[in-house]
Amino acid sequence: MAGTWIDVAEALGADLHLELTGSGSRRAVLMRALREAVSSGRLAPGTRLPPYRSLAADLGIARNTVADAYAELVAEGWLTARQGSGTRVAERVAPLSPRGPAVVGPGSTEGPGGPARGAGVRFDLVQGKPDPSSFPRTAWLASARRALAVAPAEAFGPGDPRGRVELRRALAGYLARVRGVRTAPERIVVCSGTAHALRLLARVVGGRWSVEAYGLPFHRSLLAEAGVATVPVGVDEEGARVGEVRGRAVLLTPAHQFPTGGPLGPERRAAVVAWAGRSGGLVLEDDYDGEFRYDRQPVGAVQALSPERVVLMGSVSKSLGTALRLGWMVLPEEWVDEVVAAKGAREQYASVVDQLTLADFVESGAYDRHVRRMRQGYRRRRDVLVGALAERVRVPGARVTGIAAGLHAVVELPAGSEGRVVELAAARGLAVEGLGAFRHPAAVGVGPDGLVVGYATPPEYLYAEAVDVLCDVLREAL
């Protein structure tokens, strides 16, 4: 097929040139032409494409052919589609030509626990971020419509600082069913995420806290800003060594130690609860990705062992997306009033509309369906990563661990190699973090070398290439 000029003046006020060449079905040829136009940078992020009816008429092909091509490119992450905004080139799409400059969208900025994505980054394997294209727009919109249709008028005025009761009821039922949590809606406080929860708890609990020797530097920093000193507790294959816990509270990731990957063993769970009972201390349970498990039975929440000594914190940042600022604290009864007072008389940060929507999303079963779908997709991604490393990176001392759950894996490296691997990855346009970046500065001894590889972040169409680059980097560096 020859190159075709498409007059889309009504839609864009300009012409769009596509080289419709090569073999295959008309849909395949059209998709190939659009991918080329985007990957080369000729169609910039945010560019609005012609309505599919207009494009179909100009090309002389069926409207369904264009509609299907658009839909598939949206699913792959090349395009976005939104009611009233039309179909546009995705903001974060990067040119795929190895010789072309990378184009990084405005969303590629420094976030908690992750390095800034600079202009040279083409592949993002930084932990902690789900694929943004996976957000369930249609189901979320349906929940929003239902929730707004039945919401009482008072929901849109000054509200309960604990959060909307509809969401707290939904969370109480969901957490009991899925995580084994023992609570009531009155003991749940809605917040904007785990960082917000930690800031509030730092204000009301105070004192010195124990934290795992490996964890998010961002969390340690915000605690320090709130005046809470942290002391590290060692971590091994059974999780945190809770016999080392000292202070007013201990911050743990029991379901999936971050970032090393294992669950807190049963004996240690019992031991840390016993410590809290003896000392009057608090166990702060960061349940950051408890929904995502692959090769093991579900691990229940520590909170169920001692609801009056454990605070469970959770959010939707891993399950739905980091942009949706919704989280929760499940509190011992004696701490509810103090946390609510610290939060303030009016609801802060978490949108009431989002709270009502999430309540419906959970109670309608849409949240369960979404989590199951994402669990399957992330397991497949994990298997691709593990299989590629096993087949292509055969270096003594390099193995993959922490893969039974979560959205990241740890690639153990030979001693002394971590810095070189991270540096070489950056030179190849690959964003990935070294294990040492998560080690507490006061931790005793020298920690192992490794990479923390987030396999959830890249859009589907870039994932295989990102894994290829990682394998090439490891073979070259090791």
Protein backbone atom coordinates (compact mmCIF):
# COMPACT_ATOMS: atom_id res chain seq x y z
CA MET A 1 0.00 0.00 0.00
CA ALA A 2 1.37 3.42 -0.91
CA GLY A 3 1.91 6.29 1.50
CA THR A 4 -1.41 8.01 2.14
CA TRP A 5 -2.22 11.58 3.11
CA ILE A 6 -5.16 11.72 5.52
CA ASP A 7 -7.11 14.95 5.73
CA VAL A 8 -8.15 15.32 9.35
CA ALA A 9 -8.63 19.05 9.41
CA GLU A 10 -11.86 18.73 11.33
CA ALA A 11 -10.16 16.78 14.11
CA LEU A 12 -6.65 18.22 14.19
CA GLY A 13 -6.52 21.25 11.91
CA ALA A 14 -3.57 19.56 10.14
CA ASP A 15 -2.72 16.61 7.93
CA LEU A 16 -1.41 13.29 9.21
CA HIS A 17 0.90 11.25 7.00
CA LEU A 18 1.10 7.50 7.53
CA GLU A 19 3.22 5.12 5.48
CA LEU A 20 0.81 2.21 5.03
CA THR A 21 3.25 -0.32 3.62
CA GLY A 22 4.09 -3.97 3.97
CA SER A 23 2.11 -7.18 4.15
CA GLY A 24 -0.54 -8.32 6.55
CA SER A 25 -4.12 -7.43 7.35
CA ARG A 26 -5.22 -3.82 7.12
CA ARG A 27 -5.46 -3.62 10.88
CA ALA A 28 -1.89 -4.94 11.28
CA VAL A 29 -0.55 -2.53 8.65
CA LEU A 30 -2.31 0.42 10.27
CA MET A 31 -1.04 -0.54 13.73
CA ARG A 32 2.51 -0.87 12.40
CA ALA A 33 2.34 2.56 10.80
CA LEU A 34 1.02 4.19 13.97
CA ARG A 35 3.67 2.49 16.13
CA GLU A 36 6.38 3.73 13.78
CA ALA A 37 5.05 7.27 13.88
CA VAL A 38 5.01 7.25 17.68
CA SER A 39 8.28 5.39 18.30
CA SER A 40 10.19 7.67 15.93
CA GLY A 41 8.96 10.72 17.81
CA ARG A 42 7.07 12.07 14.81
CA LEU A 43 3.83 11.92 16.77
CA ALA A 44 4.66 13.58 20.08
CA PRO A 45 3.14 12.55 23.41
CA GLY A 46 -0.30 14.08 23.79
CA THR A 47 -0.98 14.34 20.05
CA ARG A 48 -4.65 13.77 19.32
CA LEU A 49 -5.40 11.23 16.59
CA PRO A 50 -8.28 11.44 14.14
CA PRO A 51 -11.60 9.92 15.22
CA TYR A 52 -11.66 6.37 13.94
CA ARG A 53 -14.71 7.06 11.77
CA SER A 54 -12.88 9.86 9.95
CA LEU A 55 -9.70 7.83 9.58
CA ALA A 56 -11.63 4.84 8.28
CA ALA A 57 -13.43 6.98 5.70
CA ASP A 58 -10.19 8.55 4.47
CA LEU A 59 -8.43 5.20 4.22
CA GLY A 60 -11.37 3.39 2.67
CA ILE A 61 -11.40 0.66 5.30
CA ALA A 62 -13.97 -0.53 7.82
CA ARG A 63 -14.54 1.60 10.90
CA ASN A 64 -14.21 -1.51 13.09
CA THR A 65 -10.73 -2.08 11.68
CA VAL A 66 -9.56 1.34 12.86
CA ALA A 67 -11.44 1.04 16.15
CA ASP A 68 -9.82 -2.35 16.85
CA ALA A 69 -6.37 -0.99 15.98
CA TYR A 70 -6.84 1.96 18.33
CA ALA A 71 -8.12 -0.30 21.12
CA GLU A 72 -5.18 -2.68 20.84
CA LEU A 73 -2.65 0.17 20.84
CA VAL A 74 -4.37 1.59 23.93
CA ALA A 75 -4.05 -1.80 25.64
CA GLU A 76 -0.37 -1.97 24.69
CA GLY A 77 0.25 1.50 26.14
CA TRP A 78 1.01 3.35 22.90
CA LEU A 79 -2.21 5.40 23.02
CA THR A 80 -4.70 6.61 25.58
CA ALA A 81 -8.44 7.01 25.15
CA ARG A 82 -10.67 9.10 27.37
CA GLN A 83 -14.25 10.26 27.00
CA GLY A 84 -14.31 13.81 25.67
CA SER A 85 -10.58 13.88 24.97
CA GLY A 86 -10.37 11.45 22.07
CA THR A 87 -7.51 9.10 21.31
CA ARG A 88 -4.05 10.50 21.98
CA VAL A 89 -0.43 9.41 21.97
CA ALA A 90 0.42 8.21 25.50
CA GLU A 91 2.39 10.71 27.55
CA ARG A 92 5.04 8.24 28.70
CA VAL A 93 5.72 6.45 25.46
CA ALA A 94 9.46 6.47 24.59
CA PRO A 95 10.94 6.06 21.09
CA LEU A 96 12.02 2.45 20.65
CA SER A 97 14.77 3.01 18.12
CA PRO A 98 18.07 2.15 19.86
CA ARG A 99 19.72 5.10 18.18
CA GLY A 100 17.00 7.61 18.93
CA PRO A 101 16.89 9.87 21.98
CA ALA A 102 14.63 8.84 24.83
CA VAL A 103 11.45 10.76 25.39
CA VAL A 104 10.35 10.75 29.01
CA GLY A 105 6.90 11.94 29.93
CA PRO A 106 6.10 14.49 32.61
CA GLY A 107 5.19 11.72 35.05
CA SER A 108 8.80 10.53 35.19
CA THR A 109 9.94 12.33 38.29
CA GLU A 110 11.48 11.29 41.53
CA GLY A 111 9.14 9.44 43.83
CA PRO A 112 9.37 7.99 47.31
CA GLY A 113 11.94 5.22 47.39
CA GLY A 114 12.96 5.57 43.75
CA PRO A 115 15.53 7.51 41.78
CA ALA A 116 14.60 10.27 39.38
CA ARG A 117 14.08 9.12 35.83
CA GLY A 118 16.31 11.32 33.76
CA ALA A 119 16.26 12.07 30.07
CA GLY A 120 18.41 8.99 29.35
CA VAL A 121 16.02 6.44 30.87
CA ARG A 122 14.23 4.23 28.36
CA PHE A 123 13.34 1.25 30.57
CA ASP A 124 12.01 1.51 34.11
CA LEU A 125 12.55 -1.49 36.38
CA VAL A 126 12.36 0.51 39.60
CA GLN A 127 10.34 -1.25 42.29
CA GLY A 128 7.12 -0.08 43.86
CA LYS A 129 5.09 1.06 40.87
CA PRO A 130 2.42 -0.97 39.06
CA ASP A 131 1.93 -0.60 35.33
CA PRO A 132 -0.12 2.64 35.08
CA SER A 133 -1.86 1.41 31.93
CA SER A 134 -3.45 -1.37 34.00
CA PHE A 135 -5.75 0.99 35.92
CA PRO A 136 -9.32 -0.41 35.55
CA ARG A 137 -10.89 2.70 34.05
CA THR A 138 -14.18 1.21 32.95
CA ALA A 139 -14.90 -0.60 36.21
CA TRP A 140 -13.77 2.40 38.28
CA LEU A 141 -16.04 4.71 36.30
CA ALA A 142 -18.97 2.34 36.83
CA SER A 143 -18.32 2.35 40.57
CA ALA A 144 -18.05 6.14 40.62
CA ARG A 145 -21.40 6.49 38.88
CA ARG A 146 -23.12 4.08 41.25
CA ALA A 147 -21.54 5.65 44.33
CA LEU A 148 -22.42 9.21 43.35
CA ALA A 149 -25.98 8.23 42.46
CA VAL A 150 -26.71 7.05 46.00
CA ALA A 151 -24.37 9.23 48.07
CA PRO A 152 -26.16 11.38 50.67
CA ALA A 153 -25.88 15.15 50.37
CA GLU A 154 -23.92 15.37 53.63
CA ALA A 155 -21.10 13.39 52.01
CA PHE A 156 -20.05 16.54 50.17
CA GLY A 157 -19.77 18.71 53.27
CA PRO A 158 -17.38 18.62 56.23
CA GLY A 159 -17.05 14.98 57.17
CA ASP A 160 -15.74 12.52 59.70
CA PRO A 161 -11.93 12.75 59.87
CA ARG A 162 -11.86 8.96 60.13
CA GLY A 163 -13.11 8.86 56.53
CA ARG A 164 -16.38 7.95 54.89
CA VAL A 165 -18.25 5.23 56.75
CA GLU A 166 -19.10 3.49 53.47
CA LEU A 167 -15.40 2.91 52.81
CA ARG A 168 -14.57 1.94 56.37
CA ARG A 169 -17.35 -0.67 56.33
CA ALA A 170 -16.17 -2.03 53.00
CA LEU A 171 -12.57 -2.20 54.21
CA ALA A 172 -13.52 -3.91 57.47
CA GLY A 173 -15.25 -6.69 55.55
CA TYR A 174 -12.59 -6.99 52.86
CA LEU A 175 -9.63 -7.06 55.24
CA ALA A 176 -11.34 -9.63 57.45
CA ARG A 177 -12.03 -11.88 54.48
CA VAL A 178 -8.75 -11.52 52.61
CA ARG A 179 -6.12 -10.70 55.26
CA GLY A 180 -7.67 -12.20 58.40
CA VAL A 181 -7.87 -8.79 60.11
CA ARG A 182 -10.03 -8.41 63.23
CA THR A 183 -11.54 -4.95 63.39
CA ALA A 184 -14.65 -2.78 63.12
CA PRO A 185 -15.31 0.28 60.93
CA GLU A 186 -14.95 2.55 63.97
CA ARG A 187 -11.30 1.51 64.31
CA ILE A 188 -10.32 2.26 60.71
CA VAL A 189 -8.97 5.69 59.76
CA VAL A 190 -8.72 6.56 56.08
CA CYS A 191 -5.60 8.42 54.97
CA SER A 192 -3.80 9.19 51.73
CA GLY A 193 -1.35 6.31 51.92
CA THR A 194 1.28 4.67 54.11
CA ALA A 195 3.48 7.77 54.21
CA HIS A 196 0.56 9.82 55.56
CA ALA A 197 -0.17 7.08 58.11
CA LEU A 198 3.43 7.05 59.29
CA ARG A 199 3.50 10.82 59.71
CA LEU A 200 0.37 10.68 61.86
CA LEU A 201 1.65 7.77 63.93
CA ALA A 202 5.01 9.46 64.44
CA ARG A 203 3.20 12.43 65.97
CA VAL A 204 1.07 10.41 68.37
CA VAL A 205 3.43 7.54 69.25
CA GLY A 206 6.76 9.36 69.26
CA GLY A 207 9.88 7.98 70.89
CA ARG A 208 12.42 5.70 69.22
CA TRP A 209 11.33 3.03 66.75
CA SER A 210 12.95 -0.17 65.54
CA VAL A 211 12.86 -0.68 61.77
CA GLU A 212 14.03 -3.46 59.52
CA ALA A 213 17.65 -3.13 58.40
CA TYR A 214 16.37 -3.09 54.81
CA GLY A 215 13.44 -0.82 53.97
CA LEU A 216 12.39 2.34 52.17
CA PRO A 217 14.79 5.25 52.80
CA PHE A 218 11.81 7.54 52.21
CA HIS A 219 10.04 6.12 55.25
CA ARG A 220 13.12 6.53 57.42
CA SER A 221 13.49 10.12 56.23
CA LEU A 222 9.92 11.12 57.00
CA LEU A 223 10.20 9.57 60.45
CA ALA A 224 13.39 11.51 61.09
CA GLU A 225 11.66 14.71 60.00
CA ALA A 226 8.91 13.94 62.55
CA GLY A 227 11.51 13.55 65.30
CA VAL A 228 11.46 9.73 65.46
CA ALA A 229 14.89 8.11 65.69
CA THR A 230 15.14 4.68 64.05
CA VAL A 231 17.39 1.77 64.96
CA PRO A 232 17.87 -1.17 62.58
CA VAL A 233 16.82 -4.75 63.25
CA GLY A 234 18.62 -7.44 61.28
CA VAL A 235 16.87 -9.32 58.47
CA ASP A 236 17.41 -12.90 57.29
CA GLU A 237 15.46 -15.58 55.43
CA GLU A 238 12.84 -15.65 58.22
CA GLY A 239 12.28 -11.91 58.06
CA ALA A 240 13.16 -9.42 60.78
CA ARG A 241 15.08 -10.71 63.80
CA VAL A 242 12.47 -9.48 66.23
CA GLY A 243 14.54 -10.42 69.27
CA GLU A 244 16.55 -7.26 68.54
CA VAL A 245 13.49 -4.96 68.76
CA ARG A 246 13.83 -1.99 71.10
CA GLY A 247 11.98 1.29 71.56
CA ARG A 248 8.41 2.52 71.49
CA ALA A 249 7.36 0.78 68.30
CA VAL A 250 8.63 -1.47 65.53
CA LEU A 251 7.88 -1.00 61.82
CA LEU A 252 7.68 -4.30 59.93
CA THR A 253 6.68 -5.69 56.52
CA PRO A 254 5.61 -9.16 57.71
CA ALA A 255 3.76 -10.50 54.65
CA HIS A 256 6.64 -9.76 52.26
CA GLN A 257 9.77 -8.20 53.73
CA PHE A 258 10.73 -5.17 51.73
CA PRO A 259 12.85 -5.50 49.72
CA THR A 260 14.41 -8.92 50.46
CA GLY A 261 11.13 -10.75 49.92
CA GLY A 262 10.43 -13.37 52.59
CA PRO A 263 7.51 -13.49 55.07
CA LEU A 264 8.00 -13.13 58.81
CA GLY A 265 8.11 -16.64 60.24
CA PRO A 266 5.38 -17.89 62.62
CA GLU A 267 7.63 -18.00 65.69
CA ARG A 268 8.81 -14.46 65.08
CA ARG A 269 5.26 -13.25 64.60
CA ALA A 270 4.34 -14.65 67.99
CA ALA A 271 7.52 -13.25 69.51
CA VAL A 272 6.99 -9.68 68.33
CA VAL A 273 3.40 -9.70 69.56
CA ALA A 274 4.63 -10.98 72.93
CA TRP A 275 7.20 -8.15 73.02
CA ALA A 276 4.46 -5.60 72.40
CA GLY A 277 2.33 -7.06 75.18
CA ARG A 278 5.20 -7.03 77.71
CA SER A 279 6.58 -3.61 76.85
CA GLY A 280 3.40 -1.75 75.93
CA GLY A 281 4.95 -1.09 72.53
CA LEU A 282 3.25 -1.08 69.14
CA VAL A 283 3.82 -3.24 66.08
CA LEU A 284 3.30 -1.17 62.93
CA GLU A 285 2.47 -3.57 60.08
CA ASP A 286 3.08 -2.20 56.59
CA ASP A 287 0.89 -4.46 54.45
CA TYR A 288 2.08 -2.90 51.22
CA ASP A 289 1.48 -5.71 48.72
CA GLY A 290 -0.25 -8.50 50.63
CA GLU A 291 -2.65 -9.22 47.74
CA PHE A 292 0.07 -10.38 45.34
CA ARG A 293 1.26 -13.92 45.99
CA TYR A 294 2.19 -16.59 43.46
CA ASP A 295 3.87 -19.73 44.81
CA ARG A 296 2.71 -19.82 48.40
CA GLN A 297 -0.42 -19.91 50.52
CA PRO A 298 -1.81 -16.56 51.68
CA VAL A 299 -0.06 -15.13 54.74
CA GLY A 300 -2.45 -13.50 57.18
CA ALA A 301 -1.91 -10.20 58.92
CA VAL A 302 -0.02 -10.05 62.23
CA GLN A 303 -2.81 -7.72 63.38
CA ALA A 304 -5.10 -10.73 63.82
CA LEU A 305 -2.81 -12.05 66.59
CA SER A 306 -3.15 -8.93 68.72
CA PRO A 307 -5.59 -6.24 67.51
CA GLU A 308 -4.82 -4.04 70.54
CA ARG A 309 -1.04 -4.02 70.01
CA VAL A 310 -0.77 -3.94 66.20
CA VAL A 311 -1.53 -1.13 63.73
CA LEU A 312 -2.10 -2.40 60.19
CA MET A 313 -1.41 0.07 57.36
CA GLY A 314 -2.43 -0.48 53.76
CA SER A 315 -3.17 1.37 50.54
CA VAL A 316 -4.16 0.87 46.91
CA SER A 317 -0.87 2.20 45.52
CA LYS A 318 0.30 -1.28 44.44
CA SER A 319 -3.06 -2.79 43.55
CA LEU A 320 -4.61 0.12 41.63
CA GLY A 321 -2.00 2.82 41.15
CA THR A 322 0.23 5.33 42.89
CA ALA A 323 -1.80 8.31 41.66
CA LEU A 324 -4.86 7.23 43.64
CA ARG A 325 -4.03 8.59 47.09
CA LEU A 326 -6.05 6.28 49.32
CA GLY A 327 -4.86 4.28 52.30
CA TRP A 328 -6.01 3.17 55.74
CA MET A 329 -4.94 2.41 59.28
CA VAL A 330 -6.53 -0.35 61.34
CA LEU A 331 -5.94 0.89 64.89
CA PRO A 332 -6.12 -0.43 68.44
CA GLU A 333 -9.12 1.11 70.14
CA GLU A 334 -7.04 3.21 72.53
CA TRP A 335 -5.21 4.96 69.67
CA VAL A 336 -8.16 5.92 67.47
CA ASP A 337 -9.00 9.24 69.13
CA GLU A 338 -5.37 10.40 69.23
CA VAL A 339 -4.77 9.59 65.58
CA VAL A 340 -8.02 11.29 64.56
CA ALA A 341 -7.04 14.38 66.59
CA ALA A 342 -3.65 14.46 64.87
CA LYS A 343 -5.32 14.12 61.48
CA GLY A 344 -7.47 17.19 62.10
CA ALA A 345 -11.12 18.09 62.37
CA ARG A 346 -11.74 17.87 58.64
CA GLU A 347 -10.95 15.11 56.20
CA GLN A 348 -7.57 15.73 54.59
CA TYR A 349 -5.95 14.56 51.38
CA ALA A 350 -8.25 11.64 50.53
CA SER A 351 -11.04 12.75 48.18
CA VAL A 352 -14.54 11.87 49.35
CA VAL A 353 -15.51 10.96 45.78
CA ASP A 354 -12.58 8.53 45.59
CA GLN A 355 -13.52 7.07 48.96
CA LEU A 356 -17.11 6.47 47.88
CA THR A 357 -15.92 4.99 44.60
CA LEU A 358 -13.46 2.64 46.28
CA ALA A 359 -16.18 1.49 48.69
CA ASP A 360 -18.39 0.47 45.76
CA PHE A 361 -15.39 -0.98 43.90
CA VAL A 362 -14.68 -3.28 46.84
CA GLU A 363 -18.25 -4.25 47.66
CA SER A 364 -19.23 -4.92 44.04
CA GLY A 365 -16.42 -7.46 43.68
CA ALA A 366 -14.61 -5.36 41.07
CA TYR A 367 -11.56 -5.00 43.33
CA ASP A 368 -11.24 -8.77 43.76
CA ARG A 369 -11.55 -9.29 40.02
CA HIS A 370 -8.93 -6.63 39.29
CA VAL A 371 -6.47 -8.06 41.82
CA ARG A 372 -6.86 -11.58 40.41
CA ARG A 373 -6.29 -10.31 36.89
CA MET A 374 -3.21 -8.34 37.90
CA ARG A 375 -1.88 -11.27 39.94
CA GLN A 376 -1.95 -13.42 36.82
CA GLY A 377 -0.28 -10.74 34.72
CA TYR A 378 2.46 -10.00 37.24
CA ARG A 379 3.13 -13.69 37.75
CA ARG A 380 3.67 -14.04 34.02
CA ARG A 381 6.05 -11.08 34.08
CA ARG A 382 7.92 -12.59 37.01
CA ASP A 383 8.27 -15.89 35.16
CA VAL A 384 9.64 -14.10 32.09
CA LEU A 385 12.26 -12.37 34.24
CA VAL A 386 13.29 -15.48 36.15
CA GLY A 387 13.41 -17.59 32.98
CA ALA A 388 15.50 -15.06 31.07
CA LEU A 389 18.01 -14.67 33.90
CA ALA A 390 18.33 -18.44 34.34
CA GLU A 391 18.88 -18.99 30.63
CA ARG A 392 21.10 -16.03 29.79
CA VAL A 393 22.94 -14.98 32.96
CA ARG A 394 24.85 -18.00 34.17
CA VAL A 395 27.21 -16.40 36.65
CA PRO A 396 28.15 -18.03 39.98
CA GLY A 397 26.63 -16.04 42.83
CA ALA A 398 23.91 -14.46 40.69
CA ARG A 399 20.48 -15.85 41.59
CA VAL A 400 16.92 -14.55 41.92
CA THR A 401 15.18 -14.51 45.32
CA GLY A 402 12.06 -13.08 46.94
CA ILE A 403 9.84 -14.14 44.05
CA ALA A 404 6.97 -15.93 45.82
CA ALA A 405 5.02 -12.69 46.18
CA GLY A 406 5.05 -8.97 45.44
CA LEU A 407 5.93 -6.84 42.44
CA HIS A 408 9.71 -7.08 42.54
CA ALA A 409 12.51 -9.62 42.73
CA VAL A 410 16.00 -9.47 44.21
CA VAL A 411 18.86 -10.51 41.94
CA GLU A 412 21.75 -11.49 44.19
CA LEU A 413 25.14 -10.49 42.80
CA PRO A 414 28.76 -11.46 43.44
CA ALA A 415 30.40 -9.36 46.14
CA GLY A 416 31.64 -5.98 44.96
CA SER A 417 29.66 -5.94 41.69
CA GLU A 418 26.51 -3.97 42.62
CA GLY A 419 27.82 -0.49 41.88
CA ARG A 420 29.19 -1.47 38.49
CA VAL A 421 25.93 -3.16 37.47
CA VAL A 422 23.80 -0.15 38.46
CA GLU A 423 26.18 2.23 36.68
CA LEU A 424 26.25 0.17 33.51
CA ALA A 425 22.45 -0.17 33.56
CA ALA A 426 22.10 3.61 33.75
CA ALA A 427 24.43 3.99 30.78
CA ARG A 428 22.17 1.64 28.81
CA GLY A 429 19.03 3.63 29.70
CA LEU A 430 17.81 1.12 32.30
CA ALA A 431 16.56 2.40 35.66
CA VAL A 432 17.11 -0.21 38.39
CA GLU A 433 18.14 0.04 42.03
CA GLY A 434 20.86 -1.65 44.01
CA LEU A 435 19.99 -3.52 47.19
CA GLY A 436 22.39 -1.34 49.15
CA ALA A 437 20.19 1.72 48.53
CA PHE A 438 17.64 0.25 50.96
CA ARG A 439 20.04 -0.62 53.79
CA HIS A 440 19.77 1.37 57.02
CA PRO A 441 22.90 3.53 57.41
CA ALA A 442 23.36 2.27 60.99
CA ALA A 443 23.03 -1.43 60.10
CA VAL A 444 25.96 -3.49 61.38
CA GLY A 445 28.29 -5.27 58.97
CA VAL A 446 28.50 -5.34 55.21
CA GLY A 447 25.35 -6.29 53.35
CA PRO A 448 25.16 -8.51 50.26
CA ASP A 449 25.27 -7.09 46.76
CA GLY A 450 22.13 -7.27 44.65
CA LEU A 451 19.55 -5.57 42.45
CA VAL A 452 15.93 -4.84 43.34
CA VAL A 453 14.09 -5.37 40.05
CA GLY A 454 10.53 -4.09 39.73
CA TYR A 455 8.82 -6.14 37.05
CA ALA A 456 5.42 -4.41 37.29
CA THR A 457 6.29 -0.94 36.02
CA PRO A 458 7.03 -1.12 32.27
CA PRO A 459 4.12 -1.09 29.83
CA GLU A 460 3.57 -4.47 28.23
CA TYR A 461 5.08 -3.54 24.89
CA LEU A 462 8.40 -2.55 26.54
CA TYR A 463 8.72 -5.30 29.13
CA ALA A 464 10.50 -7.96 27.06
CA GLU A 465 13.02 -5.43 25.78
CA ALA A 466 13.64 -4.16 29.31
CA VAL A 467 14.42 -7.71 30.47
CA ASP A 468 16.72 -8.18 27.46
CA VAL A 469 18.68 -5.05 28.39
CA LEU A 470 18.92 -6.19 32.03
CA CYS A 471 20.33 -9.56 30.94
CA ASP A 472 22.83 -7.87 28.62
CA VAL A 473 23.95 -5.55 31.42
CA LEU A 474 24.45 -8.42 33.86
CA ARG A 475 26.42 -10.51 31.37
CA GLU A 476 28.64 -7.56 30.51
CA ALA A 477 29.19 -6.45 34.11
CA LEU A 478 29.75 -9.91 35.58
